[in-house]
Protein backbone atom coordinates (compact mmCIF):
# COMPACT_ATOMS: atom_id res chain seq x y z
CA MET A 1 20.09 64.12 25.26
CA ALA A 2 19.99 65.79 22.07
CA THR A 3 21.82 63.03 20.41
CA THR A 4 19.62 60.31 21.79
CA THR A 5 16.78 62.13 20.55
CA ALA A 6 17.71 62.26 17.14
CA GLU A 7 18.90 58.68 16.82
CA SER A 8 15.84 57.83 18.25
CA ALA A 9 14.21 59.85 15.53
CA SER A 10 15.96 58.22 12.82
CA THR A 11 15.61 54.52 14.05
CA ALA A 12 11.96 54.85 14.30
CA PRO A 13 10.94 54.82 10.44
CA LEU A 14 13.37 51.48 10.07
CA GLN A 15 11.51 50.56 12.86
CA ALA A 16 8.66 50.90 11.50
CA ALA A 17 9.52 49.20 8.44
CA ALA A 18 10.33 46.14 9.86
CA HIS A 19 7.56 45.89 11.83
CA GLY A 20 5.39 46.51 8.82
CA ASP A 21 7.61 43.64 6.75
CA ARG A 22 6.75 41.58 10.02
CA ASP A 23 2.78 42.34 9.61
CA SER A 24 2.55 41.18 5.63
CA ARG A 25 4.08 38.20 5.81
CA SER A 26 1.67 37.25 9.38
CA LEU A 27 -0.85 38.40 6.84
CA VAL A 28 0.30 36.12 3.92
CA PHE A 29 1.36 33.20 6.16
CA LEU A 30 -2.25 33.53 7.48
CA GLY A 31 -4.12 33.82 4.21
CA LEU A 32 -2.23 30.83 2.85
CA LEU A 33 -2.93 28.67 5.96
CA TRP A 34 -6.58 29.56 5.76
CA GLY A 35 -6.26 29.00 1.95
CA SER A 36 -5.36 25.56 2.74
CA LEU A 37 -7.64 24.64 5.25
CA ALA A 38 -10.24 25.43 3.24
CA PHE A 39 -9.14 23.99 -0.17
CA GLY A 40 -8.55 20.37 2.63
CA ILE A 41 -12.28 20.90 3.88
CA PHE A 42 -13.91 21.62 0.16
CA ALA A 43 -11.66 18.43 -1.15
CA LEU A 44 -12.97 16.33 2.02
CA GLY A 45 -16.63 17.42 1.15
CA VAL A 46 -16.34 16.70 -2.61
CA LEU A 47 -15.28 13.21 -1.50
CA LEU A 48 -17.84 12.43 1.04
CA VAL A 49 -20.52 14.02 -1.47
CA ASN A 50 -19.36 11.78 -4.35
CA THR A 51 -19.29 8.71 -2.03
CA PHE A 52 -22.38 9.60 -0.80
CA ILE A 53 -24.14 9.98 -4.61
CA GLU A 54 -22.40 6.76 -5.96
CA GLY A 55 -23.07 4.44 -3.21
CA SER A 56 -26.59 5.54 -1.47
CA GLY A 57 -28.83 3.34 -3.64
CA ARG A 58 -26.89 0.06 -1.71
CA LEU A 59 -27.41 1.62 2.03
CA ASP A 60 -30.17 -1.14 2.59
CA LEU A 61 -30.62 -3.52 4.47
CA MET A 62 -28.44 -6.19 1.93
CA LEU A 63 -25.79 -4.51 2.83
CA PHE A 64 -25.67 -5.57 6.51
CA VAL A 65 -27.15 -8.96 6.22
CA ASN A 66 -25.64 -10.19 2.69
CA TYR A 67 -22.20 -12.40 2.09
CA THR A 68 -20.38 -10.64 -1.05
CA SER A 69 -20.95 -12.53 -4.04
CA GLN A 70 -18.68 -12.55 -6.74
CA LEU A 71 -21.79 -13.58 -9.77
CA PHE A 72 -24.53 -11.42 -8.44
CA PRO A 73 -23.46 -8.00 -6.99
CA GLY A 74 -27.19 -6.58 -6.96
CA LYS A 75 -27.29 -9.08 -4.15
CA ALA A 76 -23.79 -8.75 -2.47
CA GLY A 77 -23.35 -7.56 1.14
CA ALA A 78 -20.42 -6.63 3.65
CA ARG A 79 -21.67 -9.06 6.57
CA ALA A 80 -18.36 -10.94 7.10
CA ALA A 81 -16.07 -7.77 6.12
CA ILE A 82 -18.16 -5.58 9.05
CA LEU A 83 -18.39 -8.47 11.67
CA GLY A 84 -14.62 -8.91 10.90
CA SER A 85 -13.54 -5.72 11.80
CA LEU A 86 -15.36 -5.25 15.01
CA MET A 87 -13.73 -8.74 16.00
CA VAL A 88 -10.35 -7.59 15.21
CA ILE A 89 -10.45 -4.30 16.32
CA VAL A 90 -11.82 -5.67 19.71
CA VAL A 91 -8.94 -7.98 20.15
CA THR A 92 -6.54 -5.54 18.97
CA ALA A 93 -7.65 -3.05 21.84
CA LEU A 94 -7.39 -6.41 23.93
CA LEU A 95 -3.87 -6.65 23.21
CA ALA A 96 -2.87 -3.07 22.67
CA VAL A 97 -4.59 -1.41 25.49
CA PRO A 98 -3.31 -3.41 28.53
CA LEU A 99 0.14 -3.26 27.22
CA GLY A 100 0.28 0.32 26.16
CA VAL A 101 -1.16 1.57 29.37
CA ALA A 102 1.51 -0.55 31.19
CA ALA A 103 4.05 0.59 29.30
CA ALA A 104 3.22 4.19 29.43
CA SER A 105 2.82 4.20 33.25
CA TYR A 106 6.02 2.55 34.08
CA LEU A 107 8.35 4.78 31.68
CA GLU A 108 6.54 7.89 33.15
CA GLU A 109 6.00 7.03 36.96
CA PHE A 110 8.81 4.76 37.88
CA ALA A 111 11.64 4.65 35.24
CA SER A 112 14.95 6.69 36.53
CA ARG A 113 15.46 9.30 34.15
CA GLU A 114 19.02 7.63 34.62
CA ASN A 115 18.35 4.86 33.40
CA ARG A 116 19.82 3.69 29.83
CA PHE A 117 17.26 1.10 29.21
CA ALA A 118 14.14 2.94 29.53
CA ARG A 119 16.08 6.06 27.41
CA PHE A 120 16.38 3.51 24.60
CA VAL A 121 12.93 2.06 25.31
CA GLU A 122 11.16 5.51 25.28
CA LEU A 123 13.78 6.45 22.32
CA ASN A 124 12.30 3.71 19.78
CA VAL A 125 8.79 4.41 20.81
CA GLN A 126 8.58 7.90 19.72
CA ASN A 127 10.01 6.57 16.28
CA LEU A 128 7.85 3.81 15.97
CA ALA A 129 5.00 5.88 15.80
CA ALA A 130 6.05 6.70 12.47
CA VAL A 131 6.99 3.15 10.92
CA PRO A 132 4.84 2.37 7.45
CA ALA A 133 1.77 0.03 8.87
CA ILE A 134 3.11 -2.57 6.15
CA ILE A 135 6.09 -3.18 8.00
CA TYR A 136 4.06 -4.09 11.33
CA GLY A 137 2.22 -6.57 8.76
CA MET A 138 5.60 -8.33 7.72
CA LEU A 139 6.76 -8.57 11.88
CA ALA A 140 3.25 -10.17 12.58
CA ALA A 141 3.72 -12.63 9.47
CA GLY A 142 7.10 -13.58 10.83
CA LEU A 143 6.19 -14.45 14.18
CA ALA A 144 2.76 -16.15 12.66
CA VAL A 145 5.30 -18.53 11.10
CA THR A 146 7.89 -18.59 13.92
CA VAL A 147 4.63 -20.20 16.42
CA GLY A 148 3.36 -21.74 13.52
CA LEU A 149 -0.15 -20.11 13.40
CA PRO A 150 -1.35 -19.77 9.88
CA ARG A 151 -1.25 -15.76 8.49
CA ASN A 152 -4.71 -15.30 8.07
CA THR A 153 -6.61 -15.36 11.37
CA VAL A 154 -7.86 -13.00 13.29
CA LEU A 155 -5.86 -13.48 16.22
CA VAL A 156 -2.76 -12.88 13.67
CA GLY A 157 -4.36 -9.78 12.68
CA ALA A 158 -5.24 -8.39 15.20
CA ILE A 159 -1.39 -8.54 16.33
CA ALA A 160 -0.21 -6.64 13.43
CA LEU A 161 -2.76 -4.02 14.41
CA ALA A 162 -1.95 -4.32 18.02
CA LEU A 163 2.12 -3.63 17.38
CA LEU A 164 0.44 -0.70 14.84
CA ILE A 165 -0.78 1.31 17.35
CA LEU A 166 1.10 0.44 20.14
CA PRO A 167 3.35 3.45 19.80
CA VAL A 168 0.42 5.70 19.59
CA ILE A 169 -0.87 4.51 22.70
CA ILE A 170 2.31 4.70 24.96
CA VAL A 171 2.74 8.20 23.95
CA SER A 172 -0.27 9.72 24.32
CA THR A 173 -1.08 7.58 27.66
CA ARG A 174 2.49 9.36 28.78
CA GLU A 175 1.09 12.53 28.02
CA ALA A 176 -1.92 12.30 29.77
CA LEU A 177 -0.14 11.06 32.80
CA ARG A 178 2.30 14.08 32.51
CA ALA A 179 -0.93 16.63 32.47
CA VAL A 180 -1.47 15.58 36.37
CA PRO A 181 -0.95 17.41 38.75
CA ARG A 182 1.79 17.02 40.30
CA GLU A 183 0.16 17.94 43.56
CA ILE A 184 -1.80 14.73 43.51
CA ARG A 185 1.02 12.30 43.44
CA GLN A 186 2.84 14.59 46.23
CA GLY A 187 -0.66 14.57 48.58
CA SER A 188 -0.82 10.70 47.82
CA LEU A 189 2.67 9.78 49.01
CA ALA A 190 2.42 12.11 51.75
CA LEU A 191 -0.75 10.16 53.11
CA GLY A 192 1.26 7.01 53.07
CA ALA A 193 0.35 5.56 49.75
CA THR A 194 2.59 3.14 47.95
CA PRO A 195 3.61 4.67 44.31
CA MET A 196 1.54 1.61 42.76
CA GLN A 197 -1.47 2.80 45.01
CA THR A 198 -1.04 6.15 43.87
CA LEU A 199 -1.02 5.01 40.36
CA THR A 200 -4.15 3.36 40.10
CA ARG A 201 -6.04 5.18 42.93
CA GLN A 202 -5.27 9.04 41.36
CA THR A 203 -2.83 9.16 38.48
CA LEU A 204 -4.51 7.10 36.20
CA PRO A 205 -8.12 7.62 37.29
CA ALA A 206 -7.56 11.85 36.65
CA ALA A 207 -5.79 10.98 33.17
CA ILE A 208 -8.42 8.87 31.91
CA PRO A 209 -9.82 11.64 29.93
CA GLY A 210 -6.72 11.21 27.99
CA ILE A 211 -6.07 8.17 27.81
CA ALA A 212 -9.53 7.08 26.53
CA THR A 213 -9.08 10.13 23.40
CA GLY A 214 -5.79 8.39 22.15
CA THR A 215 -6.53 4.87 22.46
CA ILE A 216 -9.74 5.64 20.45
CA LEU A 217 -7.94 7.34 18.25
CA ALA A 218 -5.38 5.28 17.65
CA LEU A 219 -8.25 1.74 17.00
CA SER A 220 -9.94 4.49 14.80
CA ARG A 221 -6.78 4.28 12.10
CA ALA A 222 -6.55 0.41 13.17
CA MET A 223 -10.49 -0.34 11.77
CA GLY A 224 -8.78 1.71 8.75
CA GLU A 225 -5.97 0.13 7.52
CA ALA A 226 -5.77 -2.67 4.89
CA ALA A 227 -1.94 -3.01 4.17
CA PRO A 228 -0.71 -4.74 6.98
CA LEU A 229 -3.82 -7.27 6.41
CA LEU A 230 -3.29 -7.95 3.18
CA LEU A 231 0.60 -8.86 3.85
CA LEU A 232 -1.31 -11.17 6.18
CA GLY A 233 -3.27 -12.85 3.36
CA GLY A 234 -6.66 -11.14 4.62
CA LEU A 235 -9.45 -12.80 2.26
CA VAL A 236 -11.26 -11.00 -0.04
CA PHE A 237 -14.30 -13.56 -0.77
CA VAL A 238 -15.67 -14.39 2.65
CA THR A 239 -18.98 -16.03 3.06
CA TYR A 240 -19.48 -17.06 6.63
CA ASP A 241 -18.86 -15.24 10.16
CA PRO A 242 -15.71 -15.32 11.87
CA ASN A 243 -16.08 -17.50 14.94
CA GLY A 244 -13.37 -17.56 16.32
CA LEU A 245 -9.16 -16.17 17.39
CA LEU A 246 -8.16 -18.67 14.27
CA SER A 247 -11.12 -18.27 11.95
CA GLY A 248 -10.06 -16.52 8.77
CA PHE A 249 -11.48 -13.29 7.98
CA THR A 250 -11.85 -9.86 6.21
CA THR A 251 -12.33 -6.71 6.73
CA MET A 252 -13.84 -3.26 5.84
CA PRO A 253 -10.89 -2.00 4.41
CA ILE A 254 -9.74 -5.45 2.24
CA GLN A 255 -13.40 -5.56 0.92
CA ILE A 256 -13.37 -1.91 -0.23
CA PHE A 257 -10.48 -2.51 -1.77
CA ASP A 258 -11.68 -5.74 -3.35
CA TRP A 259 -14.77 -4.12 -4.80
CA ALA A 260 -13.66 -0.44 -5.87
CA GLY A 261 -10.62 -2.29 -8.26
CA ARG A 262 -13.07 -4.88 -9.92
CA SER A 263 -14.88 -3.25 -13.63
CA GLN A 264 -18.72 -3.76 -12.53
CA ILE A 265 -20.62 -0.45 -11.95
CA ALA A 266 -22.53 -2.34 -9.34
CA PHE A 267 -19.07 -3.60 -7.15
CA ARG A 268 -17.99 0.61 -7.41
CA GLU A 269 -21.40 0.60 -5.66
CA LEU A 270 -21.02 -1.41 -3.34
CA ALA A 271 -17.33 0.43 -2.57
CA ALA A 272 -18.61 3.70 -2.06
CA ALA A 273 -21.86 2.27 0.67
CA ALA A 274 -19.13 0.30 2.74
CA SER A 275 -16.99 3.19 2.57
CA MET A 276 -19.91 5.09 3.82
CA VAL A 277 -20.64 2.61 6.48
CA LEU A 278 -17.08 2.22 7.73
CA LEU A 279 -16.69 6.38 7.78
CA VAL A 280 -20.02 6.11 9.94
CA LEU A 281 -17.90 3.37 12.17
CA VAL A 282 -14.43 5.74 12.85
CA LEU A 283 -17.12 8.63 13.66
CA ALA A 284 -18.68 6.80 16.17
CA MET A 285 -15.64 5.98 17.59
CA ASN A 286 -14.33 9.35 17.68
CA ALA A 287 -17.76 10.57 19.22
CA VAL A 288 -17.20 7.88 21.72
CA ALA A 289 -13.77 9.30 22.94
CA ILE A 290 -15.04 13.15 23.17
CA ILE A 291 -18.22 11.35 25.28
CA ILE A 292 -15.31 10.57 27.62
CA ARG A 293 -13.27 12.87 27.53
CA ASN A 294 -16.42 15.57 28.54
CA LYS A 295 -18.06 13.26 30.73
CA PHE A 296 -14.37 12.54 33.05
CA THR A 297 -13.42 16.22 32.52
CA THR A 298 -17.12 17.49 33.76
CA SER A 299 -16.92 14.91 36.87
CA ARG A 300 -13.79 16.87 38.16
């Protein structure tokens, strides 16, 4: 007993020192974490303030109702870009959301864990989420050439963006389905419902908050993409509204890219004002995702 007490007494300082080292390392890590967060918020704030100061003078009605102009930048607007962005993102959602939710439902609810094909698809979906956006533009361009479609159309641009966000929608939908309690599925099946009825009437409605949040965040990312659309030949000088799936188009990121590269101060002011409009659109989409999630969470 005396020996044990002596050994405990001798190791106590070592344990205290080790505990102190862990505490100091934790404090250092926490300080670095908060410092990085503060730096990121500060940099974002400076960027937003600078953009607002530079573009606030052009946040007027002309920005929304006028088309772009190379000769009169003081009267130029982003009407075609705003309408083009909205049209492309709507078509993107119509293409990507049903396919993404269906694929995620199959992989999560019906595919056997022993199925090699399902495992292959699952692995590739996870990897595709990290593929650079311009690769999807190349894929959409190749598809357009194969089927004989013009590259710089709303449909081909939407296909490129749908391919871009499809892995994100699949992954987020699977996570939302996985979060649904297993008792809901088991109770539905025990009452005689088929697996498809269980999915459509129980599992999917319960997973709507997570699905909606992930989908809208993915669409927000698509709205800010320029690289795949530039590769497809997205136009930077458009003086008409997009009027169909095979219409030429421009989007807010493409228009901002064009204006920001010009030397005139008026174009840089236009780029800053358009950036603010794009930011508001993205924040509005994120707000809708939060509202949907909170509404369904409260109703449950």
